Amino acid sequence: IILPLLFVISSFIAFSIGSSWGTFAIMIPLSMEIALSLSLSPSLFLAAVLSGSVFGDHASPISDTTVVSSMAAATDHIDHVRTQLPYALFSAGVATAGFLLAGVILL
């Protein structure tokens, strides 16, 4: 349960602040400490945090990359967010299920 939880928490933080790098700074030290103290695979924990952070940043309407891409495409910003959100949410659902499966099988 811990891998999908890290993915979801990282996604929420990145979506809220609009920055994957800021989320990396918050979540990587925490997740690595958890992985090492429980003697679990740090690479899986890092993967959950990195992918959750990038998803949250990509889906966030206040992310700099989202704002710039809507400006570059000369589209309404909110229309751009609404258009990309279903695809991003589908991918996040698949990733969450994958992290749950990896946690059950590999940890």
PDB file of N, CA and C in Angstrom:
ATOM      1  N   ILE A   1       0.832  -1.205   0.000  1.00  0.00           N
ATOM      2  CA  ILE A   1       0.000   0.000   0.000  1.00  0.00           C
ATOM      3  C   ILE A   1       0.874   1.265   0.000  1.00  0.00           C
ATOM      4  N   ILE A   2       2.107   1.156   0.445  1.00  0.00           N
ATOM      5  CA  ILE A   2       2.922   2.360   0.611  1.00  0.00           C
ATOM      6  C   ILE A   2       3.336   2.985  -0.732  1.00  0.00           C
ATOM      7  N   LEU A   3       3.585   2.180  -1.765  1.00  0.00           N
ATOM      8  CA  LEU A   3       3.985   2.743  -3.059  1.00  0.00           C
ATOM      9  C   LEU A   3       2.866   3.551  -3.715  1.00  0.00           C
ATOM     10  N   PRO A   4       1.640   3.002  -3.824  1.00  0.00           N
ATOM     11  CA  PRO A   4       0.587   3.849  -4.398  1.00  0.00           C
ATOM     12  C   PRO A   4       0.273   5.063  -3.527  1.00  0.00           C
ATOM     13  N   LEU A   5       0.447   4.922  -2.226  1.00  0.00           N
ATOM     14  CA  LEU A   5       0.216   6.059  -1.334  1.00  0.00           C
ATOM     15  C   LEU A   5       1.236   7.169  -1.606  1.00  0.00           C
ATOM     16  N   LEU A   6       2.498   6.803  -1.790  1.00  0.00           N
ATOM     17  CA  LEU A   6       3.513   7.802  -2.131  1.00  0.00           C
ATOM     18  C   LEU A   6       3.212   8.454  -3.480  1.00  0.00           C
ATOM     19  N   PHE A   7       2.749   7.658  -4.439  1.00  0.00           N
ATOM     20  CA  PHE A   7       2.384   8.203  -5.746  1.00  0.00           C
ATOM     21  C   PHE A   7       1.262   9.233  -5.608  1.00  0.00           C
ATOM     22  N   VAL A   8       0.218   8.886  -4.865  1.00  0.00           N
ATOM     23  CA  VAL A   8      -0.933   9.778  -4.718  1.00  0.00           C
ATOM     24  C   VAL A   8      -0.554  11.042  -3.936  1.00  0.00           C
ATOM     25  N   ILE A   9       0.218  10.891  -2.874  1.00  0.00           N
ATOM     26  CA  ILE A   9       0.630  12.063  -2.087  1.00  0.00           C
ATOM     27  C   ILE A   9       1.504  12.993  -2.935  1.00  0.00           C
ATOM     28  N   SER A  10       2.448  12.423  -3.673  1.00  0.00           N
ATOM     29  CA  SER A  10       3.305  13.241  -4.542  1.00  0.00           C
ATOM     30  C   SER A  10       2.479  13.940  -5.619  1.00  0.00           C
ATOM     31  N   SER A  11       1.494  13.222  -6.163  1.00  0.00           N
ATOM     32  CA  SER A  11       0.610  13.824  -7.169  1.00  0.00           C
ATOM     33  C   SER A  11      -0.153  15.005  -6.599  1.00  0.00           C
ATOM     34  N   PHE A  12      -0.699  14.834  -5.405  1.00  0.00           N
ATOM     35  CA  PHE A  12      -1.474  15.896  -4.773  1.00  0.00           C
ATOM     36  C   PHE A  12      -0.612  17.129  -4.493  1.00  0.00           C
ATOM     37  N   ILE A  13       0.581  16.901  -3.961  1.00  0.00           N
ATOM     38  CA  ILE A  13       1.460  18.030  -3.656  1.00  0.00           C
ATOM     39  C   ILE A  13       1.852  18.766  -4.935  1.00  0.00           C
ATOM     40  N   ALA A  14       2.253  18.013  -5.960  1.00  0.00           N
ATOM     41  CA  ALA A  14       2.662  18.658  -7.213  1.00  0.00           C
ATOM     42  C   ALA A  14       1.495  19.379  -7.880  1.00  0.00           C
ATOM     43  N   PHE A  15       0.302  18.791  -7.837  1.00  0.00           N
ATOM     44  CA  PHE A  15      -0.873  19.455  -8.399  1.00  0.00           C
ATOM     45  C   PHE A  15      -1.170  20.745  -7.643  1.00  0.00           C
ATOM     46  N   SER A  16      -1.010  20.706  -6.327  1.00  0.00           N
ATOM     47  CA  SER A  16      -1.331  21.876  -5.494  1.00  0.00           C
ATOM     48  C   SER A  16      -0.349  23.020  -5.667  1.00  0.00           C
ATOM     49  N   ILE A  17       0.941  22.700  -5.784  1.00  0.00           N
ATOM     50  CA  ILE A  17       1.931  23.772  -5.892  1.00  0.00           C
ATOM     51  C   ILE A  17       2.371  24.038  -7.325  1.00  0.00           C
ATOM     52  N   GLY A  18       2.025  23.136  -8.259  1.00  0.00           N
ATOM     53  CA  GLY A  18       2.351  23.339  -9.661  1.00  0.00           C
ATOM     54  C   GLY A  18       3.817  23.153  -9.990  1.00  0.00           C
ATOM     55  N   SER A  19       4.522  22.354  -9.184  1.00  0.00           N
ATOM     56  CA  SER A  19       5.954  22.174  -9.415  1.00  0.00           C
ATOM     57  C   SER A  19       6.371  20.743  -9.107  1.00  0.00           C
ATOM     58  N   SER A  20       6.941  20.082 -10.091  1.00  0.00           N
ATOM     59  CA  SER A  20       7.457  18.738  -9.823  1.00  0.00           C
ATOM     60  C   SER A  20       8.766  18.822  -9.038  1.00  0.00           C
ATOM     61  N   TRP A  21       9.591  19.811  -9.341  1.00  0.00           N
ATOM     62  CA  TRP A  21      10.873  19.933  -8.644  1.00  0.00           C
ATOM     63  C   TRP A  21      10.689  20.254  -7.163  1.00  0.00           C
ATOM     64  N   GLY A  22       9.722  21.081  -6.846  1.00  0.00           N
ATOM     65  CA  GLY A  22       9.432  21.361  -5.435  1.00  0.00           C
ATOM     66  C   GLY A  22       8.956  20.113  -4.711  1.00  0.00           C
ATOM     67  N   THR A  23       8.174  19.307  -5.405  1.00  0.00           N
ATOM     68  CA  THR A  23       7.692  18.057  -4.822  1.00  0.00           C
ATOM     69  C   THR A  23       8.834  17.071  -4.649  1.00  0.00           C
ATOM     70  N   PHE A  24       9.764  17.041  -5.602  1.00  0.00           N
ATOM     71  CA  PHE A  24      10.943  16.186  -5.444  1.00  0.00           C
ATOM     72  C   PHE A  24      11.673  16.547  -4.145  1.00  0.00           C
ATOM     73  N   ALA A  25      11.855  17.839  -3.920  1.00  0.00           N
ATOM     74  CA  ALA A  25      12.591  18.298  -2.739  1.00  0.00           C
ATOM     75  C   ALA A  25      11.894  17.908  -1.444  1.00  0.00           C
ATOM     76  N   ILE A  26      10.576  17.849  -1.479  1.00  0.00           N
ATOM     77  CA  ILE A  26       9.818  17.479  -0.281  1.00  0.00           C
ATOM     78  C   ILE A  26       9.774  15.972  -0.088  1.00  0.00           C
ATOM     79  N   MET A  27       9.477  15.245  -1.151  1.00  0.00           N
ATOM     80  CA  MET A  27       9.136  13.825  -1.025  1.00  0.00           C
ATOM     81  C   MET A  27      10.312  12.853  -1.135  1.00  0.00           C
ATOM     82  N   ILE A  28      11.337  13.182  -1.891  1.00  0.00           N
ATOM     83  CA  ILE A  28      12.438  12.224  -2.060  1.00  0.00           C
ATOM     84  C   ILE A  28      13.145  11.927  -0.733  1.00  0.00           C
ATOM     85  N   PRO A  29      13.515  12.923   0.061  1.00  0.00           N
ATOM     86  CA  PRO A  29      14.154  12.577   1.335  1.00  0.00           C
ATOM     87  C   PRO A  29      13.245  11.743   2.249  1.00  0.00           C
ATOM     88  N   LEU A  30      11.959  12.064   2.257  1.00  0.00           N
ATOM     89  CA  LEU A  30      11.031  11.296   3.099  1.00  0.00           C
ATOM     90  C   LEU A  30      10.905   9.853   2.628  1.00  0.00           C
ATOM     91  N   SER A  31      10.725   9.672   1.328  1.00  0.00           N
ATOM     92  CA  SER A  31      10.527   8.318   0.809  1.00  0.00           C
ATOM     93  C   SER A  31      11.792   7.471   0.924  1.00  0.00           C
ATOM     94  N   MET A  32      12.954   8.076   0.710  1.00  0.00           N
ATOM     95  CA  MET A  32      14.194   7.308   0.837  1.00  0.00           C
ATOM     96  C   MET A  32      14.434   6.888   2.281  1.00  0.00           C
ATOM     97  N   GLU A  33      14.110   7.746   3.207  1.00  0.00           N
ATOM     98  CA  GLU A  33      14.248   7.395   4.625  1.00  0.00           C
ATOM     99  C   GLU A  33      13.324   6.238   4.990  1.00  0.00           C
ATOM    100  N   ILE A  34      12.096   6.273   4.487  1.00  0.00           N
ATOM    101  CA  ILE A  34      11.148   5.183   4.741  1.00  0.00           C
ATOM    102  C   ILE A  34      11.665   3.882   4.132  1.00  0.00           C
ATOM    103  N   ALA A  35      12.100   3.931   2.881  1.00  0.00           N
ATOM    104  CA  ALA A  35      12.576   2.723   2.197  1.00  0.00           C
ATOM    105  C   ALA A  35      13.783   2.121   2.902  1.00  0.00           C
ATOM    106  N   LEU A  36      14.740   2.960   3.260  1.00  0.00           N
ATOM    107  CA  LEU A  36      15.950   2.448   3.893  1.00  0.00           C
ATOM    108  C   LEU A  36      15.697   1.947   5.309  1.00  0.00           C
ATOM    109  N   SER A  37      14.826   2.615   6.044  1.00  0.00           N
ATOM    110  CA  SER A  37      14.550   2.157   7.411  1.00  0.00           C
ATOM    111  C   SER A  37      13.755   0.859   7.431  1.00  0.00           C
ATOM    112  N   LEU A  38      12.973   0.597   6.383  1.00  0.00           N
ATOM    113  CA  LEU A  38      12.208  -0.654   6.303  1.00  0.00           C
ATOM    114  C   LEU A  38      12.933  -1.728   5.486  1.00  0.00           C
ATOM    115  N   SER A  39      14.140  -1.414   5.008  1.00  0.00           N
ATOM    116  CA  SER A  39      14.943  -2.321   4.176  1.00  0.00           C
ATOM    117  C   SER A  39      14.169  -2.775   2.933  1.00  0.00           C
ATOM    118  N   LEU A  40      13.522  -1.819   2.272  1.00  0.00           N
ATOM    119  CA  LEU A  40      12.787  -2.090   1.044  1.00  0.00           C
ATOM    120  C   LEU A  40      13.518  -1.446  -0.125  1.00  0.00           C
ATOM    121  N   SER A  41      13.072  -1.711  -1.329  1.00  0.00           N
ATOM    122  CA  SER A  41      13.742  -1.236  -2.539  1.00  0.00           C
ATOM    123  C   SER A  41      13.612   0.278  -2.703  1.00  0.00           C
ATOM    124  N   PRO A  42      14.720   1.008  -2.548  1.00  0.00           N
ATOM    125  CA  PRO A  42      14.656   2.466  -2.731  1.00  0.00           C
ATOM    126  C   PRO A  42      14.273   2.872  -4.153  1.00  0.00           C
ATOM    127  N   SER A  43      14.619   2.050  -5.146  1.00  0.00           N
ATOM    128  CA  SER A  43      14.309   2.422  -6.529  1.00  0.00           C
ATOM    129  C   SER A  43      12.806   2.457  -6.779  1.00  0.00           C
ATOM    130  N   LEU A  44      12.049   1.553  -6.174  1.00  0.00           N
ATOM    131  CA  LEU A  44      10.588   1.580  -6.322  1.00  0.00           C
ATOM    132  C   LEU A  44       9.984   2.805  -5.640  1.00  0.00           C
ATOM    133  N   PHE A  45      10.511   3.148  -4.485  1.00  0.00           N
ATOM    134  CA  PHE A  45      10.021   4.326  -3.768  1.00  0.00           C
ATOM    135  C   PHE A  45      10.332   5.593  -4.558  1.00  0.00           C
ATOM    136  N   LEU A  46      11.538   5.656  -5.114  1.00  0.00           N
ATOM    137  CA  LEU A  46      11.913   6.809  -5.930  1.00  0.00           C
ATOM    138  C   LEU A  46      11.038   6.904  -7.175  1.00  0.00           C
ATOM    139  N   ALA A  47      10.752   5.765  -7.796  1.00  0.00           N
ATOM    140  CA  ALA A  47       9.900   5.747  -8.988  1.00  0.00           C
ATOM    141  C   ALA A  47       8.499   6.255  -8.672  1.00  0.00           C
ATOM    142  N   ALA A  48       7.943   5.858  -7.537  1.00  0.00           N
ATOM    143  CA  ALA A  48       6.604   6.308  -7.153  1.00  0.00           C
ATOM    144  C   ALA A  48       6.577   7.820  -6.941  1.00  0.00           C
ATOM    145  N   VAL A  49       7.591   8.345  -6.290  1.00  0.00           N
ATOM    146  CA  VAL A  49       7.641   9.788  -6.017  1.00  0.00           C
ATOM    147  C   VAL A  49       7.865  10.580  -7.301  1.00  0.00           C
ATOM    148  N   LEU A  50       8.801  10.140  -8.131  1.00  0.00           N
ATOM    149  CA  LEU A  50       9.085  10.875  -9.364  1.00  0.00           C
ATOM    150  C   LEU A  50       7.888  10.886 -10.304  1.00  0.00           C
ATOM    151  N   SER A  51       7.261   9.729 -10.496  1.00  0.00           N
ATOM    152  CA  SER A  51       6.132   9.685 -11.428  1.00  0.00           C
ATOM    153  C   SER A  51       4.924  10.432 -10.881  1.00  0.00           C
ATOM    154  N   GLY A  52       4.661  10.346  -9.599  1.00  0.00           N
ATOM    155  CA  GLY A  52       3.564  11.110  -9.005  1.00  0.00           C
ATOM    156  C   GLY A  52       3.792  12.606  -9.117  1.00  0.00           C
ATOM    157  N   SER A  53       5.027  13.021  -8.906  1.00  0.00           N
ATOM    158  CA  SER A  53       5.351  14.446  -8.994  1.00  0.00           C
ATOM    159  C   SER A  53       5.186  14.979 -10.411  1.00  0.00           C
ATOM    160  N   VAL A  54       5.647  14.216 -11.382  1.00  0.00           N
ATOM    161  CA  VAL A  54       5.537  14.665 -12.775  1.00  0.00           C
ATOM    162  C   VAL A  54       4.076  14.670 -13.219  1.00  0.00           C
ATOM    163  N   PHE A  55       3.299  13.651 -12.800  1.00  0.00           N
ATOM    164  CA  PHE A  55       1.873  13.654 -13.134  1.00  0.00           C
ATOM    165  C   PHE A  55       1.177  14.874 -12.545  1.00  0.00           C
ATOM    166  N   GLY A  56       1.397  15.137 -11.273  1.00  0.00           N
ATOM    167  CA  GLY A  56       0.747  16.279 -10.626  1.00  0.00           C
ATOM    168  C   GLY A  56       1.111  17.594 -11.278  1.00  0.00           C
ATOM    169  N   ASP A  57       2.372  17.739 -11.657  1.00  0.00           N
ATOM    170  CA  ASP A  57       2.812  18.952 -12.333  1.00  0.00           C
ATOM    171  C   ASP A  57       2.165  19.070 -13.713  1.00  0.00           C
ATOM    172  N   HIS A  58       2.080  17.967 -14.420  1.00  0.00           N
ATOM    173  CA  HIS A  58       1.487  17.978 -15.764  1.00  0.00           C
ATOM    174  C   HIS A  58      -0.005  18.311 -15.723  1.00  0.00           C
ATOM    175  N   ALA A  59      -0.703  17.825 -14.715  1.00  0.00           N
ATOM    176  CA  ALA A  59      -2.154  18.021 -14.638  1.00  0.00           C
ATOM    177  C   ALA A  59      -2.549  19.347 -13.985  1.00  0.00           C
ATOM    178  N   SER A  60      -1.631  19.988 -13.309  1.00  0.00           N
ATOM    179  CA  SER A  60      -1.949  21.203 -12.559  1.00  0.00           C
ATOM    180  C   SER A  60      -2.188  22.401 -13.478  1.00  0.00           C
ATOM    181  N   PRO A  61      -3.286  23.116 -13.260  1.00  0.00           N
ATOM    182  CA  PRO A  61      -3.536  24.309 -14.072  1.00  0.00           C
ATOM    183  C   PRO A  61      -2.609  25.477 -13.729  1.00  0.00           C
ATOM    184  N   ILE A  62      -1.923  25.423 -12.600  1.00  0.00           N
ATOM    185  CA  ILE A  62      -1.019  26.517 -12.237  1.00  0.00           C
ATOM    186  C   ILE A  62       0.443  26.199 -12.536  1.00  0.00           C
ATOM    187  N   SER A  63       0.682  25.051 -13.166  1.00  0.00           N
ATOM    188  CA  SER A  63       2.047  24.682 -13.526  1.00  0.00           C
ATOM    189  C   SER A  63       2.560  25.565 -14.653  1.00  0.00           C
ATOM    190  N   ASP A  64       3.832  25.917 -14.579  1.00  0.00           N
ATOM    191  CA  ASP A  64       4.411  26.768 -15.623  1.00  0.00           C
ATOM    192  C   ASP A  64       4.382  26.090 -16.987  1.00  0.00           C
ATOM    193  N   THR A  65       4.610  24.791 -17.033  1.00  0.00           N
ATOM    194  CA  THR A  65       4.598  24.102 -18.322  1.00  0.00           C
ATOM    195  C   THR A  65       3.206  24.061 -18.927  1.00  0.00           C
ATOM    196  N   THR A  66       2.187  23.928 -18.107  1.00  0.00           N
ATOM    197  CA  THR A  66       0.811  23.930 -18.606  1.00  0.00           C
ATOM    198  C   THR A  66       0.441  25.306 -19.144  1.00  0.00           C
ATOM    199  N   VAL A  67       0.821  26.334 -18.444  1.00  0.00           N
ATOM    200  CA  VAL A  67       0.523  27.700 -18.884  1.00  0.00           C
ATOM    201  C   VAL A  67       1.251  28.018 -20.186  1.00  0.00           C
ATOM    202  N   VAL A  68       2.524  27.664 -20.256  1.00  0.00           N
ATOM    203  CA  VAL A  68       3.305  27.956 -21.458  1.00  0.00           C
ATOM    204  C   VAL A  68       2.785  27.161 -22.654  1.00  0.00           C
ATOM    205  N   SER A  69       2.426  25.890 -22.455  1.00  0.00           N
ATOM    206  CA  SER A  69       1.941  25.120 -23.604  1.00  0.00           C
ATOM    207  C   SER A  69       0.601  25.617 -24.098  1.00  0.00           C
ATOM    208  N   SER A  70      -0.271  26.080 -23.214  1.00  0.00           N
ATOM    209  CA  SER A  70      -1.533  26.634 -23.699  1.00  0.00           C
ATOM    210  C   SER A  70      -1.301  27.965 -24.420  1.00  0.00           C
ATOM    211  N   MET A  71      -0.333  28.737 -23.963  1.00  0.00           N
ATOM    212  CA  MET A  71      -0.011  29.987 -24.653  1.00  0.00           C
ATOM    213  C   MET A  71       0.622  29.714 -26.014  1.00  0.00           C
ATOM    214  N   ALA A  72       1.511  28.734 -26.078  1.00  0.00           N
ATOM    215  CA  ALA A  72       2.192  28.415 -27.333  1.00  0.00           C
ATOM    216  C   ALA A  72       1.220  27.871 -28.368  1.00  0.00           C
ATOM    217  N   ALA A  73       0.205  27.158 -27.910  1.00  0.00           N
ATOM    218  CA  ALA A  73      -0.795  26.616 -28.831  1.00  0.00           C
ATOM    219  C   ALA A  73      -1.893  27.623 -29.136  1.00  0.00           C
ATOM    220  N   ALA A  74      -1.834  28.792 -28.502  1.00  0.00           N
ATOM    221  CA  ALA A  74      -2.821  29.855 -28.696  1.00  0.00           C
ATOM    222  C   ALA A  74      -4.233  29.354 -28.415  1.00  0.00           C
ATOM    223  N   THR A  75      -4.384  28.594 -27.315  1.00  0.00           N
ATOM    224  CA  THR A  75      -5.697  28.106 -26.895  1.00  0.00           C
ATOM    225  C   THR A  75      -6.029  28.681 -25.529  1.00  0.00           C
ATOM    226  N   ASP A  76      -7.299  28.598 -25.188  1.00  0.00           N
ATOM    227  CA  ASP A  76      -7.723  29.010 -23.862  1.00  0.00           C
ATOM    228  C   ASP A  76      -7.074  28.080 -22.834  1.00  0.00           C
ATOM    229  N   HIS A  77      -6.572  28.663 -21.775  1.00  0.00           N
ATOM    230  CA  HIS A  77      -5.825  27.889 -20.780  1.00  0.00           C
ATOM    231  C   HIS A  77      -6.686  26.795 -20.145  1.00  0.00           C
ATOM    232  N   ILE A  78      -7.875  27.127 -19.714  1.00  0.00           N
ATOM    233  CA  ILE A  78      -8.744  26.146 -19.050  1.00  0.00           C
ATOM    234  C   ILE A  78      -9.182  25.054 -20.030  1.00  0.00           C
ATOM    235  N   ASP A  79      -9.400  25.405 -21.288  1.00  0.00           N
ATOM    236  CA  ASP A  79      -9.708  24.384 -22.297  1.00  0.00           C
ATOM    237  C   ASP A  79      -8.546  23.406 -22.460  1.00  0.00           C
ATOM    238  N   HIS A  80      -7.344  23.931 -22.424  1.00  0.00           N
ATOM    239  CA  HIS A  80      -6.166  23.080 -22.520  1.00  0.00           C
ATOM    240  C   HIS A  80      -6.091  22.113 -21.331  1.00  0.00           C
ATOM    241  N   VAL A  81      -6.339  22.629 -20.145  1.00  0.00           N
ATOM    242  CA  VAL A  81      -6.310  21.780 -18.940  1.00  0.00           C
ATOM    243  C   VAL A  81      -7.392  20.712 -19.022  1.00  0.00           C
ATOM    244  N   ARG A  82      -8.599  21.104 -19.402  1.00  0.00           N
ATOM    245  CA  ARG A  82      -9.695  20.123 -19.512  1.00  0.00           C
ATOM    246  C   ARG A  82      -9.416  19.066 -20.570  1.00  0.00           C
ATOM    247  N   THR A  83      -8.732  19.442 -21.622  1.00  0.00           N
ATOM    248  CA  THR A  83      -8.434  18.497 -22.694  1.00  0.00           C
ATOM    249  C   THR A  83      -7.387  17.464 -22.264  1.00  0.00           C
ATOM    250  N   GLN A  84      -6.378  17.893 -21.538  1.00  0.00           N
ATOM    251  CA  GLN A  84      -5.319  16.961 -21.171  1.00  0.00           C
ATOM    252  C   GLN A  84      -5.623  16.152 -19.918  1.00  0.00           C
ATOM    253  N   LEU A  85      -6.544  16.612 -19.098  1.00  0.00           N
ATOM    254  CA  LEU A  85      -6.809  15.950 -17.819  1.00  0.00           C
ATOM    255  C   LEU A  85      -7.312  14.511 -17.940  1.00  0.00           C
ATOM    256  N   PRO A  86      -8.244  14.173 -18.829  1.00  0.00           N
ATOM    257  CA  PRO A  86      -8.683  12.768 -18.902  1.00  0.00           C
ATOM    258  C   PRO A  86      -7.546  11.799 -19.232  1.00  0.00           C
ATOM    259  N   TYR A  87      -6.665  12.186 -20.133  1.00  0.00           N
ATOM    260  CA  TYR A  87      -5.536  11.327 -20.489  1.00  0.00           C
ATOM    261  C   TYR A  87      -4.572  11.176 -19.315  1.00  0.00           C
ATOM    262  N   ALA A  88      -4.309  12.273 -18.636  1.00  0.00           N
ATOM    263  CA  ALA A  88      -3.404  12.230 -17.495  1.00  0.00           C
ATOM    264  C   ALA A  88      -3.994  11.401 -16.351  1.00  0.00           C
ATOM    265  N   LEU A  89      -5.303  11.550 -16.111  1.00  0.00           N
ATOM    266  CA  LEU A  89      -5.938  10.768 -15.034  1.00  0.00           C
ATOM    267  C   LEU A  89      -5.958   9.276 -15.357  1.00  0.00           C
ATOM    268  N   PHE A  90      -6.172   8.926 -16.620  1.00  0.00           N
ATOM    269  CA  PHE A  90      -6.118   7.521 -17.009  1.00  0.00           C
ATOM    270  C   PHE A  90      -4.728   6.947 -16.741  1.00  0.00           C
ATOM    271  N   SER A  91      -3.707   7.682 -17.153  1.00  0.00           N
ATOM    272  CA  SER A  91      -2.332   7.236 -16.932  1.00  0.00           C
ATOM    273  C   SER A  91      -2.009   7.136 -15.449  1.00  0.00           C
ATOM    274  N   ALA A  92      -2.508   8.070 -14.660  1.00  0.00           N
ATOM    275  CA  ALA A  92      -2.282   8.020 -13.214  1.00  0.00           C
ATOM    276  C   ALA A  92      -2.964   6.809 -12.595  1.00  0.00           C
ATOM    277  N   GLY A  93      -4.139   6.463 -13.077  1.00  0.00           N
ATOM    278  CA  GLY A  93      -4.826   5.266 -12.578  1.00  0.00           C
ATOM    279  C   GLY A  93      -4.050   4.000 -12.886  1.00  0.00           C
ATOM    280  N   VAL A  94      -3.517   3.915 -14.096  1.00  0.00           N
ATOM    281  CA  VAL A  94      -2.702   2.757 -14.482  1.00  0.00           C
ATOM    282  C   VAL A  94      -1.430   2.705 -13.624  1.00  0.00           C
ATOM    283  N   ALA A  95      -0.813   3.849 -13.406  1.00  0.00           N
ATOM    284  CA  ALA A  95       0.401   3.893 -12.593  1.00  0.00           C
ATOM    285  C   ALA A  95       0.114   3.497 -11.143  1.00  0.00           C
ATOM    286  N   THR A  96      -1.002   3.967 -10.594  1.00  0.00           N
ATOM    287  CA  THR A  96      -1.365   3.600  -9.229  1.00  0.00           C
ATOM    288  C   THR A  96      -1.565   2.098  -9.107  1.00  0.00           C
ATOM    289  N   ALA A  97      -2.271   1.525 -10.065  1.00  0.00           N
ATOM    290  CA  ALA A  97      -2.469   0.065 -10.060  1.00  0.00           C
ATOM    291  C   ALA A  97      -1.130  -0.657 -10.224  1.00  0.00           C
ATOM    292  N   GLY A  98      -0.263  -0.134 -11.059  1.00  0.00           N
ATOM    293  CA  GLY A  98       1.060  -0.729 -11.240  1.00  0.00           C
ATOM    294  C   GLY A  98       1.902  -0.691  -9.980  1.00  0.00           C
ATOM    295  N   PHE A  99       1.844   0.425  -9.261  1.00  0.00           N
ATOM    296  CA  PHE A  99       2.596   0.524  -8.011  1.00  0.00           C
ATOM    297  C   PHE A  99       2.004  -0.388  -6.938  1.00  0.00           C
ATOM    298  N   LEU A 100       0.696  -0.544  -6.939  1.00  0.00           N
ATOM    299  CA  LEU A 100       0.082  -1.483  -6.002  1.00  0.00           C
ATOM    300  C   LEU A 100       0.535  -2.903  -6.324  1.00  0.00           C
ATOM    301  N   LEU A 101       0.516  -3.252  -7.582  1.00  0.00           N
ATOM    302  CA  LEU A 101       0.950  -4.582  -8.006  1.00  0.00           C
ATOM    303  C   LEU A 101       2.438  -4.796  -7.698  1.00  0.00           C
ATOM    304  N   ALA A 102       3.264  -3.799  -7.972  1.00  0.00           N
ATOM    305  CA  ALA A 102       4.695  -3.905  -7.673  1.00  0.00           C
ATOM    306  C   ALA A 102       4.937  -4.044  -6.178  1.00  0.00           C
ATOM    307  N   GLY A 103       4.162  -3.336  -5.378  1.00  0.00           N
ATOM    308  CA  GLY A 103       4.300  -3.444  -3.935  1.00  0.00           C
ATOM    309  C   GLY A 103       3.937  -4.831  -3.417  1.00  0.00           C
ATOM    310  N   VAL A 104       2.921  -5.421  -4.013  1.00  0.00           N
ATOM    311  CA  VAL A 104       2.494  -6.754  -3.583  1.00  0.00           C
ATOM    312  C   VAL A 104       3.497  -7.819  -4.040  1.00  0.00           C
ATOM    313  N   ILE A 105       3.951  -7.699  -5.274  1.00  0.00           N
ATOM    314  CA  ILE A 105       4.820  -8.739  -5.849  1.00  0.00           C
ATOM    315  C   ILE A 105       6.283  -8.578  -5.410  1.00  0.00           C
ATOM    316  N   LEU A 106       6.811  -7.364  -5.504  1.00  0.00           N
ATOM    317  CA  LEU A 106       8.244  -7.162  -5.312  1.00  0.00           C
ATOM    318  C   LEU A 106       8.659  -6.845  -3.882  1.00  0.00           C
ATOM    319  N   LEU A 107       7.770  -6.289  -3.099  1.00  0.00           N
ATOM    320  CA  LEU A 107       8.166  -5.962  -1.730  1.00  0.00           C
ATOM    321  C   LEU A 107       7.719  -7.079  -0.849  1.00  0.00           C
TER     322      LEU A 107
END
